[in-house]
């Protein structure tokens, strides 16, 4: 996990595709976030998937967004926003909240135990993930990057 890596100019390519969704005070934020992300994937050509690999990549994105938003619901006062951005190579998810905690996979991971699998799933499915904090400001942004499906 990379906890301090900030996106650099050019990370999202010359023409990044980006969507943001305000979540503060919304109800049903997990399905709302999944639907929002699913629509972005559709608009960006990930869906409908033409191959099993493309379908699996889209499902991984939807699972990771669910886990990040659920984590903000369970361990903070709830998510404030979701940002989804995409290039030809990488899709980045960012969930902002006002929490002070540091998300981390439970160790040791116990597959048969109910609950506590969210960040383990994120770690397994993503190229990288981490936490960004702004000095002097409340909260954090938990981000995750997944590989774009093959063309």
Protein backbone atom coordinates (compact mmCIF):
# COMPACT_ATOMS: atom_id res chain seq x y z
CA UNK A 1 0.00 0.00 0.00
CA UNK A 2 1.18 3.47 -0.85
CA UNK A 3 -0.15 5.97 1.67
CA UNK A 4 1.44 9.15 0.45
CA UNK A 5 1.63 8.90 -3.35
CA UNK A 6 -0.21 11.84 -4.85
CA UNK A 7 -1.47 11.71 -8.43
CA UNK A 8 1.02 13.44 -10.68
CA UNK A 9 0.27 15.53 -13.76
CA UNK A 10 -0.05 13.14 -16.65
CA UNK A 11 -1.01 10.14 -14.46
CA UNK A 12 -4.46 10.24 -15.96
CA UNK A 13 -3.18 10.72 -19.49
CA UNK A 14 -3.76 13.62 -21.86
CA UNK A 15 -7.57 13.45 -21.67
CA UNK A 16 -8.68 11.91 -18.40
CA UNK A 17 -12.30 10.99 -18.00
CA UNK A 18 -13.60 11.96 -14.60
CA UNK A 19 -16.86 11.96 -12.65
CA UNK A 20 -17.65 13.12 -9.14
CA UNK A 21 -20.61 12.35 -6.91
CA UNK A 22 -21.54 14.18 -3.70
CA UNK A 23 -22.53 11.66 -1.02
CA UNK A 24 -22.80 13.75 2.15
CA UNK A 25 -26.27 13.33 3.62
CA UNK A 26 -27.44 10.96 0.89
CA UNK A 27 -29.20 7.73 1.76
CA UNK A 28 -28.34 4.41 0.20
CA UNK A 29 -24.81 5.58 -0.60
CA UNK A 30 -23.41 2.14 -1.46
CA UNK A 31 -25.94 1.29 -4.20
CA UNK A 32 -25.90 4.93 -5.31
CA UNK A 33 -22.10 4.77 -5.68
CA UNK A 34 -22.27 1.47 -7.56
CA UNK A 35 -24.93 2.80 -9.95
CA UNK A 36 -22.95 6.00 -10.51
CA UNK A 37 -19.77 4.03 -11.23
CA UNK A 38 -21.61 1.53 -13.43
CA UNK A 39 -22.94 4.41 -15.55
CA UNK A 40 -19.44 5.87 -15.89
CA UNK A 41 -18.13 2.46 -16.98
CA UNK A 42 -20.91 2.23 -19.52
CA UNK A 43 -20.21 5.74 -20.85
CA UNK A 44 -16.48 4.97 -21.08
CA UNK A 45 -16.99 1.72 -23.00
CA UNK A 46 -16.18 -0.78 -20.25
CA UNK A 47 -19.81 -1.97 -20.30
CA UNK A 48 -21.49 -3.80 -21.81
CA UNK A 49 -18.47 -6.06 -21.66
CA UNK A 50 -17.52 -7.83 -24.87
CA UNK A 51 -15.27 -10.44 -23.21
CA UNK A 52 -15.05 -12.29 -19.91
CA UNK A 53 -11.89 -10.31 -19.02
CA UNK A 54 -13.66 -7.00 -19.59
CA UNK A 55 -16.69 -8.16 -17.58
CA UNK A 56 -14.41 -9.26 -14.71
CA UNK A 57 -12.58 -5.91 -14.76
CA UNK A 58 -15.88 -3.99 -14.52
CA UNK A 59 -17.12 -6.24 -11.70
CA UNK A 60 -13.84 -5.69 -9.82
CA UNK A 61 -14.32 -1.91 -10.07
CA UNK A 62 -17.88 -2.16 -8.74
CA UNK A 63 -16.77 -4.39 -5.86
CA UNK A 64 -13.94 -2.04 -4.89
CA UNK A 65 -16.19 1.04 -4.94
CA UNK A 66 -18.66 -0.84 -2.73
CA UNK A 67 -15.92 -1.76 -0.27
CA UNK A 68 -14.46 1.76 -0.08
CA UNK A 69 -17.86 3.40 0.44
CA UNK A 70 -18.96 0.75 2.94
CA UNK A 71 -15.72 1.28 4.88
CA UNK A 72 -16.48 5.01 5.11
CA UNK A 73 -20.00 4.20 6.33
CA UNK A 74 -18.81 1.76 8.99
CA UNK A 75 -15.75 3.57 10.31
CA UNK A 76 -16.51 7.28 9.85
CA UNK A 77 -19.58 9.50 9.81
CA UNK A 78 -20.08 8.43 6.21
CA UNK A 79 -18.58 9.31 2.87
CA UNK A 80 -18.63 12.86 1.58
CA UNK A 81 -17.86 12.16 -2.05
CA UNK A 82 -16.79 9.75 -4.74
CA UNK A 83 -14.49 10.53 -7.66
CA UNK A 84 -14.02 8.11 -10.54
CA UNK A 85 -11.36 8.82 -13.15
CA UNK A 86 -10.10 6.73 -16.01
CA UNK A 87 -7.37 6.55 -18.63
CA UNK A 88 -6.61 3.90 -21.18
CA UNK A 89 -4.54 2.05 -18.55
CA UNK A 90 -5.90 2.82 -15.08
CA UNK A 91 -9.18 3.51 -13.34
CA UNK A 92 -8.91 5.43 -10.06
CA UNK A 93 -11.56 5.52 -7.33
CA UNK A 94 -11.41 8.10 -4.53
CA UNK A 95 -13.75 8.21 -1.53
CA UNK A 96 -13.54 11.20 0.80
CA UNK A 97 -14.71 11.23 4.41
CA UNK A 98 -14.09 13.14 7.64
CA UNK A 99 -12.67 10.16 9.51
CA UNK A 100 -9.31 10.13 11.24
CA UNK A 101 -8.67 6.39 11.11
CA UNK A 102 -6.24 4.57 8.88
CA UNK A 103 -7.84 1.81 6.81
CA UNK A 104 -5.82 -1.39 6.62
CA UNK A 105 -6.47 -5.03 5.83
CA UNK A 106 -6.94 -7.14 8.94
CA UNK A 107 -3.98 -9.35 9.62
CA UNK A 108 -3.98 -12.19 9.73
CA UNK A 109 -6.79 -12.43 7.21
CA UNK A 110 -9.26 -15.15 8.15
CA UNK A 111 -11.34 -16.02 5.12
CA UNK A 112 -13.98 -17.98 7.07
CA UNK A 113 -14.69 -15.17 9.52
CA UNK A 114 -17.66 -12.90 8.77
CA UNK A 115 -16.85 -9.23 8.15
CA UNK A 116 -13.56 -7.42 7.99
CA UNK A 117 -12.67 -8.37 4.41
CA UNK A 118 -13.12 -4.98 2.71
CA UNK A 119 -9.58 -3.66 2.62
CA UNK A 120 -8.19 -7.15 2.00
CA UNK A 121 -10.38 -7.28 -1.12
CA UNK A 122 -9.22 -3.81 -2.16
CA UNK A 123 -5.57 -4.80 -1.69
CA UNK A 124 -6.00 -8.01 -3.72
CA UNK A 125 -7.90 -6.46 -6.65
CA UNK A 126 -6.05 -3.17 -7.04
CA UNK A 127 -2.74 -2.19 -8.56
CA UNK A 128 -2.25 0.19 -5.63
CA UNK A 129 -4.25 1.99 -2.97
CA UNK A 130 -3.62 4.46 -0.22
CA UNK A 131 -4.78 7.37 1.89
CA UNK A 132 -4.32 11.07 1.23
CA UNK A 133 -4.65 13.66 3.97
CA UNK A 134 -4.56 17.42 3.71
CA UNK A 135 -2.55 18.96 6.57
CA UNK A 136 -4.78 21.04 8.83
CA UNK A 137 -8.00 19.68 7.30
CA UNK A 138 -10.33 17.08 8.73
CA UNK A 139 -10.76 13.76 7.01
CA UNK A 140 -9.02 11.86 4.28
CA UNK A 141 -9.33 10.46 0.79
CA UNK A 142 -8.99 6.72 0.36
CA UNK A 143 -8.01 5.92 -3.23
CA UNK A 144 -7.58 2.76 -5.22
CA UNK A 145 -6.34 2.11 -8.76
CA UNK A 146 -7.34 -0.81 -10.96
CA UNK A 147 -5.98 -1.85 -14.32
CA UNK A 148 -8.13 -1.03 -17.32
CA UNK A 149 -9.32 -4.11 -19.20
CA UNK A 150 -7.55 -5.15 -22.37
CA UNK A 151 -8.95 -3.48 -25.49
